Amino acid sequence: MRTSNLILVPAILVLAALVSAEVRAAALVDVRSTSDCPGAAAVQTALQGLLSAAADAPLPDVADVEARGDTSVISLHTAGGAFVAEKRLPPELSCAERAAAAAVILATWEARLQSGARASLPLPPAQSATPALPQPPAAAPRPTSPPPAPTAENDLTARPAPLASPPPPDLAADSWRLFPGAGVFGSFQGGGLGAGVSVEAELAASSSSFSAGVGAFLASEHQATLSSGQAVWSRMGGSIDGRWRKRLETMDVQARLAFELARLEVEGRSFPSTGYDILIDPGATFGVRLIPQRNTVRPWLDLAATYWPRQRVLFVSGTDAGVTLPHVDLMLGIGMSFGQRR
């Protein structure tokens, strides 16, 4: 029992020393922010582990994070109010990346101050509980040579600290955006050509190659000769799809797989007695799309094939004449999407 106590007491003392050093190191800088991106708490948290305690800094230095336009500017002042340095963060960084970059910059500035640069900066006024004693008159100062011109070695603002490589993007903080689009297409079924229009919306994140889309379409009529008349059919409906994008040098290649649910209208024409019916027709579409890399308006060329698995047979009542609707619909379309995507 006594031996274990002797081992436990030094371990507690070492742990307490480490915690004390961590607290004193974090107290070297007091972060203040007028912006939520990044906030003061996020920068203060990122500073943990980057600073080491210093005995010559009884009061914390003050770091200010200020929002200017679409970016943030970080500056550092000593406890006495002396300006140390200022740095503008790149605007394309996320909030988490700005907090990490600000912490690296502040730690670099503090390391320079601890290495000896602090001695050349004004210190805060000393506070004492006892009244000051009268001092003898000071001797007249001797003439001195003018101070040297600021250089990269003696002026912290002459050469800002290099910004460390930003951390990998945080997928949880990545921004998801909705990109609307519209197009027209030609439809080839069973030897006949038709036309159609479509509208869509794509939900995508800038850092991901995968996205999701929803859309609606309207296809014009197709017809086939049936006995002494014609069989006519058309479809309209909606779709939901998953997409995968491959970025090339000048354009994006996007593959998509969609589930279709259509309203199929069929009717007979030029018969003594004609019929009309509405059916629900499910289908699956596979397509490939070429998208030139543009800023806001992005045109595209789309080649797709839709498979309708259900067999639909139109026939003339009282006869053996009939026609089976094609299972495959080939489509070639052009259109455009709106919105800037990195």
Protein backbone atom coordinates (compact mmCIF):
# COMPACT_ATOMS: atom_id res chain seq x y z
CA MET A 1 0.00 0.00 0.00
CA ARG A 2 2.75 2.49 0.84
CA THR A 3 4.68 1.66 -2.36
CA SER A 4 1.65 2.36 -4.59
CA ASN A 5 1.07 5.68 -2.84
CA LEU A 6 4.66 6.69 -3.49
CA ILE A 7 4.17 6.00 -7.21
CA LEU A 8 0.76 7.72 -7.40
CA VAL A 9 1.88 11.01 -5.83
CA PRO A 10 4.56 11.84 -8.47
CA ALA A 11 2.15 10.89 -11.26
CA ILE A 12 -0.45 13.34 -9.89
CA LEU A 13 2.19 16.08 -9.65
CA VAL A 14 3.29 15.51 -13.27
CA LEU A 15 -0.32 15.58 -14.51
CA ALA A 16 -1.00 18.78 -12.60
CA ALA A 17 2.10 20.40 -14.11
CA LEU A 18 0.99 19.46 -17.63
CA VAL A 19 -2.52 20.86 -17.07
CA SER A 20 -1.07 24.05 -15.59
CA ALA A 21 1.25 24.51 -18.60
CA GLU A 22 -1.68 23.98 -20.98
CA VAL A 23 -3.81 26.60 -19.20
CA ARG A 24 -0.95 29.14 -19.06
CA ALA A 25 -0.16 28.55 -22.74
CA ALA A 26 -3.79 29.09 -23.75
CA ALA A 27 -3.83 32.28 -21.64
CA LEU A 28 -1.03 33.81 -23.73
CA VAL A 29 -3.62 35.07 -26.25
CA ASP A 30 -7.07 36.51 -25.60
CA VAL A 31 -9.05 36.03 -28.84
CA ARG A 32 -11.82 38.49 -29.63
CA SER A 33 -14.02 38.22 -32.73
CA THR A 34 -16.66 40.41 -34.35
CA SER A 35 -17.52 37.62 -36.77
CA ASP A 36 -19.11 34.20 -36.47
CA CYS A 37 -16.85 32.78 -39.19
CA PRO A 38 -14.61 32.10 -37.41
CA GLY A 39 -15.81 32.77 -33.85
CA ALA A 40 -13.51 33.54 -30.94
CA ALA A 41 -14.24 30.17 -29.28
CA ALA A 42 -13.28 28.23 -32.43
CA VAL A 43 -9.93 30.05 -32.73
CA GLN A 44 -9.22 29.69 -29.00
CA THR A 45 -9.90 25.94 -29.23
CA ALA A 46 -7.62 25.58 -32.27
CA LEU A 47 -4.81 27.32 -30.30
CA GLN A 48 -4.72 24.48 -27.75
CA GLY A 49 -1.47 22.62 -28.17
CA LEU A 50 0.09 25.22 -30.53
CA LEU A 51 1.37 27.59 -27.81
CA SER A 52 3.93 27.07 -25.08
CA ALA A 53 3.88 29.01 -21.81
CA ALA A 54 6.16 32.02 -21.48
CA ALA A 55 7.39 33.54 -18.22
CA ASP A 56 7.80 37.08 -19.63
CA ALA A 57 4.11 37.52 -20.60
CA PRO A 58 2.20 38.11 -17.32
CA LEU A 59 -0.80 39.49 -19.25
CA PRO A 60 -2.31 37.88 -22.38
CA ASP A 61 -1.85 39.41 -25.78
CA VAL A 62 -5.04 40.40 -27.64
CA ALA A 63 -6.01 38.86 -30.99
CA ASP A 64 -8.86 40.43 -32.99
CA VAL A 65 -10.75 38.61 -35.76
CA GLU A 66 -12.69 41.06 -37.93
CA ALA A 67 -14.99 40.38 -40.90
CA ARG A 68 -14.11 42.47 -43.96
CA GLY A 69 -16.22 41.75 -47.00
CA ASP A 70 -16.15 38.04 -47.85
CA THR A 71 -13.10 37.23 -45.74
CA SER A 72 -11.65 37.69 -42.25
CA VAL A 73 -8.67 39.74 -41.03
CA ILE A 74 -6.73 38.67 -37.94
CA SER A 75 -4.47 41.05 -36.00
CA LEU A 76 -2.40 40.82 -32.82
CA HIS A 77 -1.62 43.45 -30.16
CA THR A 78 0.47 43.01 -27.05
CA ALA A 79 -1.03 43.44 -23.59
CA GLY A 80 0.37 47.00 -23.65
CA GLY A 81 -1.50 47.82 -26.84
CA ALA A 82 1.46 47.67 -29.26
CA PHE A 83 0.57 46.50 -32.76
CA VAL A 84 2.35 43.27 -33.74
CA ALA A 85 1.01 42.14 -37.13
CA GLU A 86 -2.06 41.73 -39.31
CA LYS A 87 -3.03 39.03 -41.84
CA ARG A 88 -5.95 38.63 -44.25
CA LEU A 89 -7.28 35.06 -44.57
CA PRO A 90 -8.10 33.62 -48.03
CA PRO A 91 -11.84 34.08 -48.77
CA GLU A 92 -12.31 30.55 -50.15
CA LEU A 93 -11.64 28.91 -46.75
CA SER A 94 -14.54 27.52 -44.74
CA CYS A 95 -15.23 28.62 -41.13
CA ALA A 96 -13.37 25.63 -39.69
CA GLU A 97 -10.42 26.20 -42.03
CA ARG A 98 -10.28 29.90 -41.10
CA ALA A 99 -10.20 29.03 -37.40
CA ALA A 100 -7.34 26.56 -37.94
CA ALA A 101 -5.40 29.00 -40.14
CA ALA A 102 -5.87 31.85 -37.63
CA ALA A 103 -4.57 29.62 -34.83
CA VAL A 104 -1.42 28.73 -36.84
CA ILE A 105 -0.76 32.42 -37.62
CA LEU A 106 -1.22 33.49 -33.98
CA ALA A 107 1.05 30.69 -32.76
CA THR A 108 3.75 31.81 -35.23
CA TRP A 109 3.52 35.43 -34.08
CA GLU A 110 3.63 34.38 -30.41
CA ALA A 111 6.71 32.22 -31.08
CA ARG A 112 8.48 35.28 -32.51
CA LEU A 113 7.50 37.38 -29.50
CA GLN A 114 8.75 34.70 -27.09
CA SER A 115 12.06 34.42 -28.97
CA GLY A 116 12.99 38.03 -28.09
CA ALA A 117 10.90 40.38 -30.18
CA ARG A 118 8.72 41.19 -27.16
CA ALA A 119 11.58 43.14 -25.55
CA SER A 120 11.37 45.83 -28.25
CA LEU A 121 7.62 46.42 -27.70
CA PRO A 122 6.13 48.68 -24.99
CA LEU A 123 5.00 46.88 -21.85
CA PRO A 124 1.74 47.60 -19.99
CA PRO A 125 1.96 50.16 -17.14
CA ALA A 126 3.00 48.56 -13.86
CA GLN A 127 0.36 48.50 -11.11
CA SER A 128 1.52 48.65 -7.49
CA ALA A 129 -0.37 48.89 -4.22
CA THR A 130 2.35 51.07 -2.56
CA PRO A 131 2.76 54.77 -3.40
CA ALA A 132 5.69 55.65 -5.64
CA LEU A 133 8.74 57.10 -3.86
CA PRO A 134 10.24 60.38 -5.12
CA GLN A 135 13.07 59.76 -7.53
CA PRO A 136 16.13 61.94 -8.06
CA PRO A 137 16.11 63.97 -11.26
CA ALA A 138 17.26 61.90 -14.22
CA ALA A 139 20.40 62.84 -16.02
CA ALA A 140 20.06 64.41 -19.42
CA PRO A 141 19.95 61.69 -22.08
CA ARG A 142 22.96 61.33 -24.27
CA PRO A 143 22.43 61.89 -27.98
CA THR A 144 21.98 58.62 -29.75
CA SER A 145 21.96 57.62 -33.35
CA PRO A 146 18.56 57.28 -35.06
CA PRO A 147 16.98 53.84 -34.90
CA PRO A 148 17.69 51.53 -37.83
CA ALA A 149 15.17 51.36 -40.66
CA PRO A 150 12.66 48.52 -40.36
CA THR A 151 13.79 45.34 -42.04
CA ALA A 152 12.42 41.83 -42.37
CA GLU A 153 14.54 40.85 -39.31
CA ASN A 154 13.48 43.57 -36.83
CA ASP A 155 9.92 44.34 -38.01
CA LEU A 156 7.29 41.65 -37.61
CA THR A 157 5.00 43.34 -40.15
CA ALA A 158 7.69 43.49 -42.88
CA ARG A 159 7.38 39.79 -43.67
CA PRO A 160 4.12 38.10 -42.62
CA ALA A 161 4.30 34.55 -41.41
CA PRO A 162 3.65 31.95 -44.09
CA LEU A 163 0.22 30.41 -43.88
CA ALA A 164 0.31 26.72 -43.17
CA SER A 165 -1.41 24.29 -45.49
CA PRO A 166 -5.14 24.31 -44.70
CA PRO A 167 -6.57 21.18 -43.11
CA PRO A 168 -8.62 18.82 -45.27
CA PRO A 169 -12.18 20.07 -45.89
CA ASP A 170 -14.77 19.21 -43.30
CA LEU A 171 -17.56 17.33 -45.11
CA ALA A 172 -20.03 18.12 -42.34
CA ALA A 173 -19.47 21.85 -42.87
CA ASP A 174 -19.46 21.62 -46.66
CA SER A 175 -22.13 23.66 -48.39
CA TRP A 176 -24.84 21.86 -50.39
CA ARG A 177 -26.44 23.79 -53.22
CA LEU A 178 -29.37 23.31 -55.57
CA PHE A 179 -28.73 23.76 -59.31
CA PRO A 180 -31.85 24.12 -61.52
CA GLY A 181 -31.84 23.24 -65.21
CA ALA A 182 -34.02 22.69 -68.28
CA GLY A 183 -33.68 21.13 -71.73
CA VAL A 184 -35.28 19.73 -74.85
CA PHE A 185 -34.76 16.27 -76.32
CA GLY A 186 -35.52 14.09 -79.28
CA SER A 187 -37.07 10.66 -78.66
CA PHE A 188 -36.65 7.60 -80.92
CA GLN A 189 -39.08 4.70 -80.38
CA GLY A 190 -39.88 1.86 -82.74
CA GLY A 191 -38.75 3.68 -85.85
CA GLY A 192 -40.58 6.92 -85.01
CA LEU A 193 -39.19 10.27 -83.83
CA GLY A 194 -40.72 12.57 -81.27
CA ALA A 195 -39.78 15.58 -79.17
CA GLY A 196 -40.00 16.51 -75.51
CA VAL A 197 -39.06 18.97 -72.80
CA SER A 198 -37.66 18.46 -69.33
CA VAL A 199 -36.92 20.42 -66.14
CA GLU A 200 -34.67 19.29 -63.31
CA ALA A 201 -32.88 20.26 -60.10
CA GLU A 202 -29.55 18.84 -58.89
CA LEU A 203 -28.45 18.79 -55.24
CA ALA A 204 -24.66 18.70 -54.99
CA ALA A 205 -21.73 19.58 -52.71
CA SER A 206 -18.65 21.27 -54.13
CA SER A 207 -16.23 18.72 -52.62
CA SER A 208 -18.11 15.58 -53.73
CA SER A 209 -18.30 13.82 -57.09
CA PHE A 210 -21.74 12.41 -56.26
CA SER A 211 -25.06 14.25 -56.40
CA ALA A 212 -28.80 13.63 -56.58
CA GLY A 213 -31.41 14.99 -58.94
CA VAL A 214 -35.16 15.19 -59.47
CA GLY A 215 -36.94 16.09 -62.68
CA ALA A 216 -40.09 16.11 -64.78
CA PHE A 217 -40.59 15.47 -68.48
CA LEU A 218 -43.21 15.62 -71.23
CA ALA A 219 -42.78 13.57 -74.43
CA SER A 220 -44.77 14.16 -77.60
CA GLU A 221 -46.87 11.50 -79.33
CA HIS A 222 -45.52 8.42 -81.08
CA GLN A 223 -47.66 6.40 -83.45
CA ALA A 224 -47.66 3.12 -85.32
CA THR A 225 -49.88 1.84 -88.14
CA LEU A 226 -52.46 -0.65 -86.89
CA SER A 227 -54.82 -2.23 -89.45
CA SER A 228 -56.72 0.64 -91.08
CA GLY A 229 -55.84 3.18 -88.38
CA GLN A 230 -53.10 4.30 -86.03
CA ALA A 231 -52.08 3.48 -82.46
CA VAL A 232 -50.92 6.63 -80.65
CA TRP A 233 -49.17 6.91 -77.27
CA SER A 234 -47.36 9.55 -75.21
CA ARG A 235 -45.78 9.81 -71.77
CA MET A 236 -45.33 12.43 -69.08
CA GLY A 237 -43.97 11.97 -65.58
CA GLY A 238 -41.15 12.49 -63.11
CA SER A 239 -37.79 11.00 -62.19
CA ILE A 240 -35.31 10.74 -59.35
CA ASP A 241 -31.67 9.93 -60.04
CA GLY A 242 -28.16 9.54 -58.69
CA ARG A 243 -25.23 11.13 -60.52
CA TRP A 244 -21.46 10.73 -60.62
CA ARG A 245 -19.20 13.45 -62.05
CA LYS A 246 -15.70 13.15 -63.49
CA ARG A 247 -13.87 16.47 -63.91
CA LEU A 248 -11.61 16.75 -66.97
CA GLU A 249 -9.44 19.65 -68.12
CA THR A 250 -12.14 21.64 -69.94
CA MET A 251 -15.41 19.85 -69.15
CA ASP A 252 -17.24 17.54 -66.76
CA VAL A 253 -18.48 14.08 -67.75
CA GLN A 254 -21.53 13.07 -65.71
CA ALA A 255 -23.15 9.62 -65.59
CA ARG A 256 -26.65 9.26 -64.16
CA LEU A 257 -29.02 6.42 -63.29
CA ALA A 258 -32.68 7.40 -62.86
CA PHE A 259 -35.96 5.81 -61.87
CA GLU A 260 -38.89 7.00 -63.99
CA LEU A 261 -42.60 6.93 -63.24
CA ALA A 262 -44.74 7.99 -66.22
CA ARG A 263 -48.37 8.54 -67.10
CA LEU A 264 -48.88 6.60 -70.35
CA GLU A 265 -51.76 7.70 -72.58
CA VAL A 266 -52.80 5.37 -75.44
CA GLU A 267 -55.56 5.75 -78.01
CA GLY A 268 -56.66 4.59 -81.45
CA ARG A 269 -57.31 6.91 -84.37
CA SER A 270 -59.07 6.59 -87.76
CA PHE A 271 -61.11 3.59 -86.59
CA PRO A 272 -64.93 3.40 -86.75
CA SER A 273 -64.83 3.09 -82.96
CA THR A 274 -61.75 4.24 -81.03
CA GLY A 275 -60.59 3.56 -77.49
CA TYR A 276 -58.59 5.61 -74.99
CA ASP A 277 -56.76 4.54 -71.83
CA ILE A 278 -54.35 5.91 -69.19
CA LEU A 279 -51.75 3.63 -67.59
CA ILE A 280 -48.96 4.02 -65.02
CA ASP A 281 -45.64 2.98 -66.52
CA PRO A 282 -42.38 2.62 -64.49
CA GLY A 283 -38.98 2.72 -66.19
CA ALA A 284 -35.23 3.10 -65.68
CA THR A 285 -32.89 5.51 -67.49
CA PHE A 286 -29.13 5.48 -67.93
CA GLY A 287 -27.51 8.59 -69.41
CA VAL A 288 -24.18 10.31 -70.00
CA ARG A 289 -23.90 14.09 -70.04
CA LEU A 290 -21.09 16.39 -71.25
CA ILE A 291 -20.94 19.75 -69.43
CA PRO A 292 -18.38 22.45 -70.40
CA GLN A 293 -16.86 24.18 -67.38
CA ARG A 294 -18.46 27.62 -67.15
CA ASN A 295 -19.14 30.07 -64.33
CA THR A 296 -22.90 30.47 -63.92
CA VAL A 297 -24.72 29.17 -67.02
CA ARG A 298 -23.50 25.69 -68.02
CA PRO A 299 -24.86 24.15 -71.26
CA TRP A 300 -24.89 20.37 -71.61
CA LEU A 301 -25.35 17.59 -74.17
CA ASP A 302 -27.15 14.46 -72.93
CA LEU A 303 -27.45 10.97 -74.41
CA ALA A 304 -29.77 8.56 -72.57
CA ALA A 305 -31.74 5.33 -72.95
CA THR A 306 -34.91 4.47 -71.01
CA TYR A 307 -36.17 0.92 -70.54
CA TRP A 308 -39.91 0.37 -69.97
CA PRO A 309 -40.19 -3.20 -68.59
CA ARG A 310 -43.97 -3.66 -68.77
CA GLN A 311 -45.33 -5.07 -72.02
CA ARG A 312 -48.06 -2.91 -73.54
CA VAL A 313 -50.07 -4.31 -76.48
CA LEU A 314 -52.60 -2.22 -78.41
CA PHE A 315 -55.05 -4.19 -80.54
CA VAL A 316 -58.14 -3.68 -82.70
CA SER A 317 -61.25 -5.07 -81.05
CA GLY A 318 -62.66 -8.11 -82.84
CA THR A 319 -59.50 -8.75 -84.87
CA ASP A 320 -56.06 -10.27 -84.40
CA ALA A 321 -54.33 -7.00 -85.38
CA GLY A 322 -52.18 -5.53 -82.64
CA VAL A 323 -48.97 -3.62 -81.93
CA THR A 324 -46.58 -3.88 -78.98
CA LEU A 325 -45.17 -0.63 -77.64
CA PRO A 326 -41.34 -0.45 -77.72
CA HIS A 327 -39.52 -1.28 -74.51
CA VAL A 328 -36.55 1.04 -75.25
CA ASP A 329 -36.65 4.80 -75.77
CA LEU A 330 -33.45 6.46 -77.04
CA MET A 331 -33.09 10.18 -76.32
CA LEU A 332 -30.66 12.91 -77.34
CA GLY A 333 -31.06 16.21 -75.51
CA ILE A 334 -29.52 19.64 -75.05
CA GLY A 335 -30.07 22.06 -72.20
CA MET A 336 -28.40 24.13 -69.51
CA SER A 337 -27.94 24.25 -65.77
CA PHE A 338 -27.71 27.40 -63.65
CA GLY A 339 -25.41 28.14 -60.72
CA GLN A 340 -21.66 28.28 -60.10
CA ARG A 341 -20.11 24.99 -59.07
CA ARG A 342 -16.46 24.48 -58.04
